[in-house]
All heavy atoms as atom14 arrays in JSON, in Angstrom:
{
  "sequence": "ISQSGAYTSYADSVKGRSTISRDNAKNMVYLQMNSLKLEDTAVYYC",
  "atom14_mask": [
    [1, 1, 1, 1, 1, 1, 1, 1, 0, 0, 0, 0, 0, 0],
    [1, 1, 1, 1, 1, 1, 0, 0, 0, 0, 0, 0, 0, 0],
    [1, 1, 1, 1, 1, 1, 1, 1, 1, 0, 0, 0, 0, 0],
    [1, 1, 1, 1, 1, 1, 0, 0, 0, 0, 0, 0, 0, 0],
    [1, 1, 1, 1, 0, 0, 0, 0, 0, 0, 0, 0, 0, 0],
    [1, 1, 1, 1, 1, 0, 0, 0, 0, 0, 0, 0, 0, 0],
    [1, 1, 1, 1, 1, 1, 1, 1, 1, 1, 1, 1, 0, 0],
    [1, 1, 1, 1, 1, 1, 1, 0, 0, 0, 0, 0, 0, 0],
    [1, 1, 1, 1, 1, 1, 0, 0, 0, 0, 0, 0, 0, 0],
    [1, 1, 1, 1, 1, 1, 1, 1, 1, 1, 1, 1, 0, 0],
    [1, 1, 1, 1, 1, 0, 0, 0, 0, 0, 0, 0, 0, 0],
    [1, 1, 1, 1, 1, 1, 1, 1, 0, 0, 0, 0, 0, 0],
    [1, 1, 1, 1, 1, 1, 0, 0, 0, 0, 0, 0, 0, 0],
    [1, 1, 1, 1, 1, 1, 1, 0, 0, 0, 0, 0, 0, 0],
    [1, 1, 1, 1, 1, 1, 1, 1, 1, 0, 0, 0, 0, 0],
    [1, 1, 1, 1, 0, 0, 0, 0, 0, 0, 0, 0, 0, 0],
    [1, 1, 1, 1, 1, 1, 1, 1, 1, 1, 1, 0, 0, 0],
    [1, 1, 1, 1, 1, 1, 0, 0, 0, 0, 0, 0, 0, 0],
    [1, 1, 1, 1, 1, 1, 1, 0, 0, 0, 0, 0, 0, 0],
    [1, 1, 1, 1, 1, 1, 1, 1, 0, 0, 0, 0, 0, 0],
    [1, 1, 1, 1, 1, 1, 0, 0, 0, 0, 0, 0, 0, 0],
    [1, 1, 1, 1, 1, 1, 1, 1, 1, 1, 1, 0, 0, 0],
    [1, 1, 1, 1, 1, 1, 1, 1, 0, 0, 0, 0, 0, 0],
    [1, 1, 1, 1, 1, 1, 1, 1, 0, 0, 0, 0, 0, 0],
    [1, 1, 1, 1, 1, 0, 0, 0, 0, 0, 0, 0, 0, 0],
    [1, 1, 1, 1, 1, 1, 1, 1, 1, 0, 0, 0, 0, 0],
    [1, 1, 1, 1, 1, 1, 1, 1, 0, 0, 0, 0, 0, 0],
    [1, 1, 1, 1, 1, 1, 1, 1, 0, 0, 0, 0, 0, 0],
    [1, 1, 1, 1, 1, 1, 1, 0, 0, 0, 0, 0, 0, 0],
    [1, 1, 1, 1, 1, 1, 1, 1, 1, 1, 1, 1, 0, 0],
    [1, 1, 1, 1, 1, 1, 1, 1, 0, 0, 0, 0, 0, 0],
    [1, 1, 1, 1, 1, 1, 1, 1, 1, 0, 0, 0, 0, 0],
    [1, 1, 1, 1, 1, 1, 1, 1, 0, 0, 0, 0, 0, 0],
    [1, 1, 1, 1, 1, 1, 1, 1, 0, 0, 0, 0, 0, 0],
    [1, 1, 1, 1, 1, 1, 0, 0, 0, 0, 0, 0, 0, 0],
    [1, 1, 1, 1, 1, 1, 1, 1, 0, 0, 0, 0, 0, 0],
    [1, 1, 1, 1, 1, 1, 1, 1, 1, 0, 0, 0, 0, 0],
    [1, 1, 1, 1, 1, 1, 1, 1, 0, 0, 0, 0, 0, 0],
    [1, 1, 1, 1, 1, 1, 1, 1, 1, 0, 0, 0, 0, 0],
    [1, 1, 1, 1, 1, 1, 1, 1, 0, 0, 0, 0, 0, 0],
    [1, 1, 1, 1, 1, 1, 1, 0, 0, 0, 0, 0, 0, 0],
    [1, 1, 1, 1, 1, 0, 0, 0, 0, 0, 0, 0, 0, 0],
    [1, 1, 1, 1, 1, 1, 1, 0, 0, 0, 0, 0, 0, 0],
    [1, 1, 1, 1, 1, 1, 1, 1, 1, 1, 1, 1, 0, 0],
    [1, 1, 1, 1, 1, 1, 1, 1, 1, 1, 1, 1, 0, 0],
    [1, 1, 1, 1, 1, 1, 0, 0, 0, 0, 0, 0, 0, 0]
  ],
  "atom14_positions": [
    [[0.82, -1.16, -0.02], [0.05, -0.01, -0.08], [0.97, 1.25, 0.03], [1.86, 1.25, 0.61], [-0.96, 0.01, 1.25], [-1.91, 1.08, 1.14], [-0.18, 0.07, 2.49], [-3.19, 0.99, 2.1], [0.0, 0.0, 0.0], [0.0, 0.0, 0.0], [0.0, 0.0, 0.0], [0.0, 0.0, 0.0], [0.0, 0.0, 0.0], [0.0, 0.0, 0.0]],
    [[0.49, 2.3, -0.76], [1.23, 3.47, -0.91], [1.05, 4.21, 0.38], [0.3, 3.95, 1.26], [0.76, 4.31, -2.17], [-0.54, 4.69, -1.95], [0.0, 0.0, 0.0], [0.0, 0.0, 0.0], [0.0, 0.0, 0.0], [0.0, 0.0, 0.0], [0.0, 0.0, 0.0], [0.0, 0.0, 0.0], [0.0, 0.0, 0.0], [0.0, 0.0, 0.0]],
    [[1.89, 5.35, 0.5], [1.9, 6.18, 1.69], [0.5, 6.61, 2.19], [0.12, 6.7, 3.27], [2.87, 7.37, 1.57], [4.31, 6.85, 1.53], [4.89, 6.82, 0.14], [4.23, 6.13, -0.75], [6.12, 7.27, -0.05], [0.0, 0.0, 0.0], [0.0, 0.0, 0.0], [0.0, 0.0, 0.0], [0.0, 0.0, 0.0], [0.0, 0.0, 0.0]],
    [[-0.28, 7.17, 1.13], [-1.52, 7.71, 1.35], [-2.58, 6.7, 1.35], [-3.7, 7.0, 1.84], [-1.81, 8.67, 0.2], [-2.07, 8.14, -1.05], [0.0, 0.0, 0.0], [0.0, 0.0, 0.0], [0.0, 0.0, 0.0], [0.0, 0.0, 0.0], [0.0, 0.0, 0.0], [0.0, 0.0, 0.0], [0.0, 0.0, 0.0], [0.0, 0.0, 0.0]],
    [[-2.24, 5.53, 1.02], [-3.33, 4.44, 0.85], [-4.1, 4.41, -0.45], [-4.97, 3.59, -0.64], [0.0, 0.0, 0.0], [0.0, 0.0, 0.0], [0.0, 0.0, 0.0], [0.0, 0.0, 0.0], [0.0, 0.0, 0.0], [0.0, 0.0, 0.0], [0.0, 0.0, 0.0], [0.0, 0.0, 0.0], [0.0, 0.0, 0.0], [0.0, 0.0, 0.0]],
    [[-3.74, 5.39, -1.36], [-4.46, 5.5, -2.61], [-4.2, 4.36, -3.55], [-5.02, 4.04, -4.38], [-4.15, 6.83, -3.16], [0.0, 0.0, 0.0], [0.0, 0.0, 0.0], [0.0, 0.0, 0.0], [0.0, 0.0, 0.0], [0.0, 0.0, 0.0], [0.0, 0.0, 0.0], [0.0, 0.0, 0.0], [0.0, 0.0, 0.0], [0.0, 0.0, 0.0]],
    [[-3.08, 3.74, -3.44], [-2.56, 2.74, -4.36], [-2.29, 1.44, -3.6], [-1.58, 1.5, -2.57], [-1.43, 3.26, -5.25], [-1.7, 4.44, -5.96], [-1.28, 5.71, -5.56], [-2.43, 4.3, -7.15], [-1.5, 6.79, -6.25], [-2.71, 5.57, -7.83], [-2.29, 6.76, -7.44], [-2.51, 7.86, -8.09], [0.0, 0.0, 0.0], [0.0, 0.0, 0.0]],
    [[-2.83, 0.29, -4.02], [-2.42, -0.96, -3.51], [-2.18, -1.98, -4.54], [-2.5, -1.79, -5.78], [-3.73, -1.44, -2.69], [-4.88, -1.56, -3.68], [-4.04, -0.48, -1.57], [0.0, 0.0, 0.0], [0.0, 0.0, 0.0], [0.0, 0.0, 0.0], [0.0, 0.0, 0.0], [0.0, 0.0, 0.0], [0.0, 0.0, 0.0], [0.0, 0.0, 0.0]],
    [[-1.48, -3.03, -4.27], [-1.2, -4.07, -5.11], [-1.25, -5.42, -4.37], [-1.06, -5.44, -3.15], [0.16, -3.88, -5.88], [1.23, -3.86, -4.83], [0.0, 0.0, 0.0], [0.0, 0.0, 0.0], [0.0, 0.0, 0.0], [0.0, 0.0, 0.0], [0.0, 0.0, 0.0], [0.0, 0.0, 0.0], [0.0, 0.0, 0.0], [0.0, 0.0, 0.0]],
    [[-1.41, -6.5, -5.07], [-1.62, -7.78, -4.45], [-0.9, -8.84, -5.34], [-0.87, -8.77, -6.55], [-3.05, -8.12, -4.31], [-3.83, -7.1, -3.54], [-4.47, -6.0, -4.11], [-3.98, -7.23, -2.13], [-5.18, -5.09, -3.39], [-4.63, -6.29, -1.38], [-5.26, -5.18, -2.04], [-5.9, -4.48, -1.23], [0.0, 0.0, 0.0], [0.0, 0.0, 0.0]],
    [[-0.43, -9.84, -4.57], [0.13, -10.93, -5.29], [-1.08, -11.77, -5.87], [-2.25, -11.67, -5.41], [0.81, -11.88, -4.34], [0.0, 0.0, 0.0], [0.0, 0.0, 0.0], [0.0, 0.0, 0.0], [0.0, 0.0, 0.0], [0.0, 0.0, 0.0], [0.0, 0.0, 0.0], [0.0, 0.0, 0.0], [0.0, 0.0, 0.0], [0.0, 0.0, 0.0]],
    [[-0.85, -12.49, -7.07], [-1.92, -13.2, -7.63], [-2.61, -14.15, -6.68], [-3.8, -14.34, -6.91], [-1.36, -13.92, -8.93], [-1.05, -12.86, -10.08], [-1.51, -11.81, -10.03], [-0.31, -13.41, -10.99], [0.0, 0.0, 0.0], [0.0, 0.0, 0.0], [0.0, 0.0, 0.0], [0.0, 0.0, 0.0], [0.0, 0.0, 0.0], [0.0, 0.0, 0.0]],
    [[-1.84, -14.65, -5.87], [-2.41, -15.77, -4.93], [-3.42, -15.23, -4.03], [-4.28, -15.98, -3.53], [-1.25, -16.29, -4.11], [-0.43, -15.36, -3.44], [0.0, 0.0, 0.0], [0.0, 0.0, 0.0], [0.0, 0.0, 0.0], [0.0, 0.0, 0.0], [0.0, 0.0, 0.0], [0.0, 0.0, 0.0], [0.0, 0.0, 0.0], [0.0, 0.0, 0.0]],
    [[-3.43, -13.99, -3.68], [-4.42, -13.39, -2.86], [-5.23, -12.33, -3.43], [-6.31, -11.81, -2.82], [-3.69, -12.79, -1.56], [-2.76, -13.69, -0.86], [-2.94, -11.51, -1.96], [0.0, 0.0, 0.0], [0.0, 0.0, 0.0], [0.0, 0.0, 0.0], [0.0, 0.0, 0.0], [0.0, 0.0, 0.0], [0.0, 0.0, 0.0], [0.0, 0.0, 0.0]],
    [[-4.99, -11.98, -4.68], [-5.79, -10.93, -5.28], [-7.27, -11.29, -5.39], [-7.69, -12.45, -5.67], [-5.23, -10.72, -6.79], [-5.84, -9.54, -7.44], [-5.14, -9.33, -8.78], [-3.64, -9.13, -8.63], [-2.95, -8.93, -9.9], [0.0, 0.0, 0.0], [0.0, 0.0, 0.0], [0.0, 0.0, 0.0], [0.0, 0.0, 0.0], [0.0, 0.0, 0.0]],
    [[-8.14, -10.37, -5.06], [-9.59, -10.63, -4.99], [-10.04, -11.14, -3.73], [-11.25, -11.19, -3.5], [0.0, 0.0, 0.0], [0.0, 0.0, 0.0], [0.0, 0.0, 0.0], [0.0, 0.0, 0.0], [0.0, 0.0, 0.0], [0.0, 0.0, 0.0], [0.0, 0.0, 0.0], [0.0, 0.0, 0.0], [0.0, 0.0, 0.0], [0.0, 0.0, 0.0]],
    [[-9.19, -11.67, -2.84], [-9.59, -12.12, -1.57], [-9.12, -11.27, -0.44], [-9.55, -11.53, 0.77], [-8.99, -13.56, -1.32], [-9.56, -14.51, -2.47], [-9.2, -15.97, -2.15], [-7.73, -16.15, -2.18], [-6.95, -16.45, -1.14], [-7.57, -16.59, 0.08], [-5.64, -16.59, -1.27], [0.0, 0.0, 0.0], [0.0, 0.0, 0.0], [0.0, 0.0, 0.0]],
    [[-8.18, -10.38, -0.67], [-7.48, -9.67, 0.45], [-7.63, -8.14, 0.16], [-7.66, -7.69, -1.0], [-6.03, -9.97, 0.55], [-5.97, -11.42, 0.83], [0.0, 0.0, 0.0], [0.0, 0.0, 0.0], [0.0, 0.0, 0.0], [0.0, 0.0, 0.0], [0.0, 0.0, 0.0], [0.0, 0.0, 0.0], [0.0, 0.0, 0.0], [0.0, 0.0, 0.0]],
    [[-7.6, -7.37, 1.24], [-7.67, -5.9, 1.21], [-6.64, -5.32, 2.2], [-6.77, -5.59, 3.33], [-9.0, -5.29, 1.3], [-9.93, -5.87, 0.53], [-9.0, -3.91, 1.29], [0.0, 0.0, 0.0], [0.0, 0.0, 0.0], [0.0, 0.0, 0.0], [0.0, 0.0, 0.0], [0.0, 0.0, 0.0], [0.0, 0.0, 0.0], [0.0, 0.0, 0.0]],
    [[-5.61, -4.65, 1.67], [-4.71, -3.88, 2.57], [-5.16, -2.57, 2.69], [-5.75, -1.87, 1.81], [-3.3, -4.0, 1.97], [-2.22, -3.46, 2.91], [-3.17, -3.23, 0.58], [-0.86, -3.67, 2.59], [0.0, 0.0, 0.0], [0.0, 0.0, 0.0], [0.0, 0.0, 0.0], [0.0, 0.0, 0.0], [0.0, 0.0, 0.0], [0.0, 0.0, 0.0]],
    [[-4.92, -2.03, 3.81], [-5.44, -0.63, 4.24], [-4.53, -0.04, 5.3], [-3.72, -0.77, 5.93], [-6.95, -0.66, 4.73], [-7.06, -1.41, 5.94], [0.0, 0.0, 0.0], [0.0, 0.0, 0.0], [0.0, 0.0, 0.0], [0.0, 0.0, 0.0], [0.0, 0.0, 0.0], [0.0, 0.0, 0.0], [0.0, 0.0, 0.0], [0.0, 0.0, 0.0]],
    [[-4.64, 1.09, 5.63], [-3.82, 1.71, 6.64], [-4.54, 2.83, 7.34], [-5.42, 3.52, 6.75], [-2.53, 2.22, 6.1], [-2.57, 3.39, 5.06], [-1.39, 3.65, 4.31], [-0.24, 3.86, 5.17], [1.07, 3.69, 4.8], [1.34, 3.32, 3.57], [2.06, 3.97, 5.65], [0.0, 0.0, 0.0], [0.0, 0.0, 0.0], [0.0, 0.0, 0.0]],
    [[-4.14, 3.16, 8.6], [-4.57, 4.27, 9.39], [-3.32, 5.0, 9.85], [-2.75, 4.54, 10.85], [-5.39, 3.8, 10.56], [-6.09, 4.89, 11.34], [-5.58, 6.04, 11.23], [-7.05, 4.65, 12.02], [0.0, 0.0, 0.0], [0.0, 0.0, 0.0], [0.0, 0.0, 0.0], [0.0, 0.0, 0.0], [0.0, 0.0, 0.0], [0.0, 0.0, 0.0]],
    [[-2.86, 5.99, 9.08], [-1.74, 6.67, 9.38], [-1.73, 7.37, 10.75], [-0.75, 7.51, 11.43], [-1.31, 7.67, 8.3], [-0.85, 6.92, 7.18], [-0.26, 5.81, 7.1], [-0.97, 7.61, 5.97], [0.0, 0.0, 0.0], [0.0, 0.0, 0.0], [0.0, 0.0, 0.0], [0.0, 0.0, 0.0], [0.0, 0.0, 0.0], [0.0, 0.0, 0.0]],
    [[-2.92, 7.81, 11.15], [-3.05, 8.47, 12.47], [-2.74, 7.56, 13.66], [-2.31, 7.89, 14.68], [-4.43, 9.01, 12.6], [0.0, 0.0, 0.0], [0.0, 0.0, 0.0], [0.0, 0.0, 0.0], [0.0, 0.0, 0.0], [0.0, 0.0, 0.0], [0.0, 0.0, 0.0], [0.0, 0.0, 0.0], [0.0, 0.0, 0.0], [0.0, 0.0, 0.0]],
    [[-2.97, 6.18, 13.52], [-2.67, 5.22, 14.38], [-1.31, 4.5, 14.18], [-1.01, 3.58, 14.86], [-3.84, 4.26, 14.44], [-5.18, 4.76, 14.94], [-6.28, 3.67, 15.04], [-7.52, 4.12, 15.46], [-8.61, 3.18, 15.54], [0.0, 0.0, 0.0], [0.0, 0.0, 0.0], [0.0, 0.0, 0.0], [0.0, 0.0, 0.0], [0.0, 0.0, 0.0]],
    [[-0.79, 4.81, 13.1], [0.59, 4.2, 12.66], [0.4, 2.66, 12.51], [1.03, 1.87, 12.94], [1.73, 4.52, 13.63], [2.99, 4.52, 12.99], [3.11, 5.1, 11.89], [4.01, 4.13, 13.62], [0.0, 0.0, 0.0], [0.0, 0.0, 0.0], [0.0, 0.0, 0.0], [0.0, 0.0, 0.0], [0.0, 0.0, 0.0], [0.0, 0.0, 0.0]],
    [[-0.75, 2.34, 11.8], [-1.25, 0.96, 11.7], [-1.44, 0.61, 10.17], [-1.89, 1.46, 9.45], [-2.33, 0.75, 12.49], [-2.32, 0.85, 13.96], [-1.48, -0.5, 14.78], [-2.87, -1.87, 14.71], [0.0, 0.0, 0.0], [0.0, 0.0, 0.0], [0.0, 0.0, 0.0], [0.0, 0.0, 0.0], [0.0, 0.0, 0.0], [0.0, 0.0, 0.0]],
    [[-1.15, -0.68, 9.74], [-1.54, -1.17, 8.54], [-2.27, -2.46, 8.73], [-1.82, -3.35, 9.66], [-0.22, -1.37, 7.74], [-0.68, -2.07, 6.33], [0.43, -0.03, 7.43], [0.0, 0.0, 0.0], [0.0, 0.0, 0.0], [0.0, 0.0, 0.0], [0.0, 0.0, 0.0], [0.0, 0.0, 0.0], [0.0, 0.0, 0.0], [0.0, 0.0, 0.0]],
    [[-3.19, -2.76, 7.98], [-4.04, -3.9, 8.09], [-4.11, -4.8, 6.8], [-3.9, -4.28, 5.78], [-5.47, -3.55, 8.4], [-5.51, -2.57, 9.63], [-5.63, -1.17, 9.46], [-5.65, -3.06, 10.9], [-5.75, -0.32, 10.49], [-5.59, -2.18, 12.01], [-5.7, -0.75, 11.8], [-5.75, 0.06, 12.81], [0.0, 0.0, 0.0], [0.0, 0.0, 0.0]],
    [[-4.38, -6.04, 7.05], [-4.64, -6.87, 5.91], [-5.92, -7.73, 6.26], [-5.85, -8.62, 7.16], [-3.46, -7.87, 5.63], [-3.67, -8.69, 4.4], [-3.6, -8.0, 3.16], [-2.51, -9.79, 4.4], [0.0, 0.0, 0.0], [0.0, 0.0, 0.0], [0.0, 0.0, 0.0], [0.0, 0.0, 0.0], [0.0, 0.0, 0.0], [0.0, 0.0, 0.0]],
    [[-6.99, -7.45, 5.5], [-8.16, -8.28, 5.67], [-8.13, -9.31, 4.63], [-7.95, -9.25, 3.43], [-9.4, -7.32, 5.28], [-10.7, -8.08, 5.34], [-11.08, -8.5, 6.75], [-10.98, -7.65, 7.65], [-11.65, -9.66, 6.99], [0.0, 0.0, 0.0], [0.0, 0.0, 0.0], [0.0, 0.0, 0.0], [0.0, 0.0, 0.0], [0.0, 0.0, 0.0]],
    [[-8.22, -10.61, 5.12], [-8.17, -11.65, 4.36], [-9.5, -12.55, 4.38], [-9.97, -12.89, 5.52], [-7.01, -12.73, 4.75], [-5.69, -11.94, 4.77], [-4.26, -13.0, 5.05], [-4.28, -14.04, 3.5], [0.0, 0.0, 0.0], [0.0, 0.0, 0.0], [0.0, 0.0, 0.0], [0.0, 0.0, 0.0], [0.0, 0.0, 0.0], [0.0, 0.0, 0.0]],
    [[-10.07, -12.75, 3.22], [-11.31, -13.41, 3.15], [-11.18, -14.64, 2.31], [-10.19, -14.87, 1.61], [-12.46, -12.52, 2.53], [-12.56, -11.23, 3.24], [-12.65, -11.26, 4.56], [-12.72, -10.1, 2.61], [0.0, 0.0, 0.0], [0.0, 0.0, 0.0], [0.0, 0.0, 0.0], [0.0, 0.0, 0.0], [0.0, 0.0, 0.0], [0.0, 0.0, 0.0]],
    [[-12.19, -15.5, 2.41], [-12.22, -16.77, 1.64], [-10.82, -17.45, 1.71], [-10.19, -17.9, 0.72], [-12.51, -16.4, 0.13], [-13.7, -15.8, -0.02], [0.0, 0.0, 0.0], [0.0, 0.0, 0.0], [0.0, 0.0, 0.0], [0.0, 0.0, 0.0], [0.0, 0.0, 0.0], [0.0, 0.0, 0.0], [0.0, 0.0, 0.0], [0.0, 0.0, 0.0]],
    [[-10.36, -17.65, 2.93], [-9.17, -18.29, 3.18], [-8.89, -19.6, 2.67], [-9.91, -20.37, 2.72], [-8.79, -18.16, 4.66], [-8.38, -16.77, 5.12], [-8.47, -16.7, 6.69], [-6.94, -16.33, 4.77], [0.0, 0.0, 0.0], [0.0, 0.0, 0.0], [0.0, 0.0, 0.0], [0.0, 0.0, 0.0], [0.0, 0.0, 0.0], [0.0, 0.0, 0.0]],
    [[-7.8, -19.92, 2.1], [-7.53, -21.15, 1.61], [-6.43, -21.88, 2.53], [-5.61, -21.24, 3.06], [-7.09, -20.98, 0.15], [-8.05, -20.44, -0.8], [-7.44, -20.23, -2.22], [-8.41, -19.71, -3.21], [-7.86, -19.53, -4.5], [0.0, 0.0, 0.0], [0.0, 0.0, 0.0], [0.0, 0.0, 0.0], [0.0, 0.0, 0.0], [0.0, 0.0, 0.0]],
    [[-6.23, -23.23, 2.19], [-5.3, -23.91, 2.86], [-3.86, -23.29, 2.5], [-3.01, -23.27, 3.5], [-5.27, -25.36, 2.65], [-6.52, -26.12, 3.11], [-6.4, -27.56, 2.59], [-6.66, -26.09, 4.54], [0.0, 0.0, 0.0], [0.0, 0.0, 0.0], [0.0, 0.0, 0.0], [0.0, 0.0, 0.0], [0.0, 0.0, 0.0], [0.0, 0.0, 0.0]],
    [[-3.84, -23.09, 1.36], [-2.4, -22.38, 0.94], [-2.0, -21.11, 1.55], [-0.95, -20.5, 1.42], [-2.45, -22.15, -0.54], [-2.9, -23.37, -1.34], [-4.46, -23.57, -1.58], [-4.75, -22.94, -2.7], [-5.1, -24.06, -0.77], [0.0, 0.0, 0.0], [0.0, 0.0, 0.0], [0.0, 0.0, 0.0], [0.0, 0.0, 0.0], [0.0, 0.0, 0.0]],
    [[-3.05, -20.48, 2.22], [-2.66, -19.12, 2.94], [-2.05, -19.41, 4.25], [-1.54, -18.46, 4.88], [-4.01, -18.37, 3.14], [-4.63, -17.88, 1.86], [-3.87, -17.46, 0.97], [-5.79, -17.92, 1.79], [0.0, 0.0, 0.0], [0.0, 0.0, 0.0], [0.0, 0.0, 0.0], [0.0, 0.0, 0.0], [0.0, 0.0, 0.0], [0.0, 0.0, 0.0]],
    [[-1.91, -20.66, 4.69], [-1.24, -20.97, 5.91], [0.24, -20.43, 5.84], [1.04, -20.94, 4.99], [-1.28, -22.36, 6.28], [-2.7, -22.74, 6.45], [-0.48, -22.72, 7.49], [0.0, 0.0, 0.0], [0.0, 0.0, 0.0], [0.0, 0.0, 0.0], [0.0, 0.0, 0.0], [0.0, 0.0, 0.0], [0.0, 0.0, 0.0], [0.0, 0.0, 0.0]],
    [[0.63, -19.57, 6.72], [1.96, -19.02, 6.79], [2.14, -18.13, 7.99], [1.03, -17.81, 8.64], [2.19, -18.2, 5.54], [0.0, 0.0, 0.0], [0.0, 0.0, 0.0], [0.0, 0.0, 0.0], [0.0, 0.0, 0.0], [0.0, 0.0, 0.0], [0.0, 0.0, 0.0], [0.0, 0.0, 0.0], [0.0, 0.0, 0.0], [0.0, 0.0, 0.0]],
    [[3.33, -17.67, 8.23], [3.58, -16.61, 9.14], [3.64, -15.26, 8.3], [4.29, -15.11, 7.41], [4.84, -16.82, 9.9], [5.12, -15.67, 10.89], [4.86, -18.15, 10.69], [0.0, 0.0, 0.0], [0.0, 0.0, 0.0], [0.0, 0.0, 0.0], [0.0, 0.0, 0.0], [0.0, 0.0, 0.0], [0.0, 0.0, 0.0], [0.0, 0.0, 0.0]],
    [[2.8, -14.37, 8.89], [2.64, -13.08, 7.99], [3.42, -12.01, 8.8], [3.44, -11.87, 10.04], [1.17, -12.73, 8.0], [0.47, -13.52, 6.93], [0.14, -14.86, 7.21], [0.05, -12.99, 5.81], [-0.46, -15.63, 6.28], [-0.61, -13.68, 4.81], [-0.85, -15.05, 5.07], [-1.52, -15.82, 4.16], [0.0, 0.0, 0.0], [0.0, 0.0, 0.0]],
    [[4.1, -11.1, 8.04], [4.98, -10.15, 8.57], [4.65, -8.79, 7.73], [4.13, -8.79, 6.69], [6.43, -10.43, 8.39], [6.96, -11.65, 8.97], [6.92, -12.8, 8.16], [7.53, -11.7, 10.16], [7.46, -14.09, 8.73], [8.03, -12.92, 10.72], [8.01, -14.02, 10.09], [8.47, -15.17, 10.51], [0.0, 0.0, 0.0], [0.0, 0.0, 0.0]],
    [[4.97, -7.72, 8.4], [4.94, -6.38, 7.77], [6.24, -5.65, 7.8], [7.11, -6.01, 8.63], [3.86, -5.48, 8.34], [4.08, -5.04, 10.11], [0.0, 0.0, 0.0], [0.0, 0.0, 0.0], [0.0, 0.0, 0.0], [0.0, 0.0, 0.0], [0.0, 0.0, 0.0], [0.0, 0.0, 0.0], [0.0, 0.0, 0.0], [0.0, 0.0, 0.0]]
  ]
}
């Protein structure tokens, strides 16, 4: 996600199922993951 949050990009593996967002006032970034698949099993980092 870009600094302002205006632009986002996704790997093909999660495209259409995930949404990245941010709240700069809280210094936080989020990843909403829907329709989770077995292949999504992993340790996630930012």
